[in-house]
Amino acid sequence: MTIILFSIILFACSMAAGLVGSLTGLGGGVVLIPLLTLVFKVDIHYAIGTSLVSVIATSSGAAAAYVKEGITNIRLGMFLEVATTIGAIIGAFLATYVPTHWIAIVFGGILIFSAITSFSKHHEQIDTAPSGKYAAALRLNNTFPTAGGPQPYTVRNVAGGFFMMNIAGVISGLLGIGSGALKVIAMDRIMKIPFKVSTTTSNFMIGVTAAASAGIYLRRGYIDPGLSMPVLLGVLAGAFAGSKLLVKAKTKWLKIFFAIVVLFLAFQMICNGITNRL
C-alpha cells in the first residue's frame, strides 16, 4: 500500500470517527484508537498521541458550532475543566508506566461501563427547581434552545460532578481519549443537565483536556505528523458534519447509537488486550 493510499483510507476512517464522536459527545478517540491499533497495527502509545491531536480537532470543530447554536453551557464547561485538566496531567504521567495490554483492557472496560449506563432506563426530566448554593453562586444555571423557545434548567450536585470530571481527566491522559463518555455521564446523570447540553458541553471541554496531556506525549515523541495530519483533517470534517446533524437528532436514537458503537469497540480492545496482541 502506498503512503498516499494509506493517507486517503486513514482520512476516510477518521472522518467517520469524527462524525460518531461529535454526535455522541465522546470525541473521536474512542473510535480512532481501536481503528489504529486493531486495523492499522499502530503501537498504542502512538495511537494515543494521534488520538489526542484528533480530540483537539474534534472539540475545535464541533464546539464552535454548538456554542453558536446556544446549546453549550460555557460557564459550566470552564469551571469543570479545572478538574479534568489536573486529572489529564496525572494520567499522562501514569501512561508510561502502565503495560500496553493493560491500557487496552482498561480502555475496553471504560467503554463497556459507558454503554451499560447509556442503556439503563433513564427518564430525562428538565430540572427547573431552585438549584443548590454552589450552582447559584457560580451562576451555572442556564437555558438551551428548543422548538418552543429557550428552555431553562438548573444544575445539581456540583461537588459530585467536579470529582467525576477529575477521574475523567485521569482516564483521558492515560488512554488518549477526550473522556467524553464520562463527562456526559457526569453532567447527564450526576448534575441532572439535559442530554443535549451535556454532549455539547462535553465537546467544548474535551479539547482542553486533551491539550493538557498531548504536550506530555509530544515531548516523549509519541505524536507522528504522518499519522496525525490525515487523522486531524478527517476528524475535523466528520465533527463539522456531526454538529449539523445533532441539532435535528432525537436523544433516544443518539443514546442507542452511542451504546452500539461503544460495545463493539470495547470487546475488540479487551480481547486483544487479554491475548497481548497490541
Foldseek 3Di string as FASTA:
>chain_A
DDLVVVLVVLLQQLLQLLQLCQQQLFFSLLVQLCCCCVPVVDQSLLSLLLLLLQLLLLLVQQLVLCVVQVLAQQLLLVVLLVLLLVLLLLLLVCQVVDDRLVLLLVSLVLLLVLLVVLPDDDDQDAAPPDEDPVCVVSVRWDWGQDPVGTDTGGWYDSVQLSNQSNVLNNNCNNRNTLSSSSQLCSRVPVGSHDNSNSSSSSSNNSSSSSVSNSVVSVVVVSHDCSSNVSSNNSSSNSSNVNSVVNVVDDPSVSSVSSSVVSNVSSVSSNVCSVVVVD
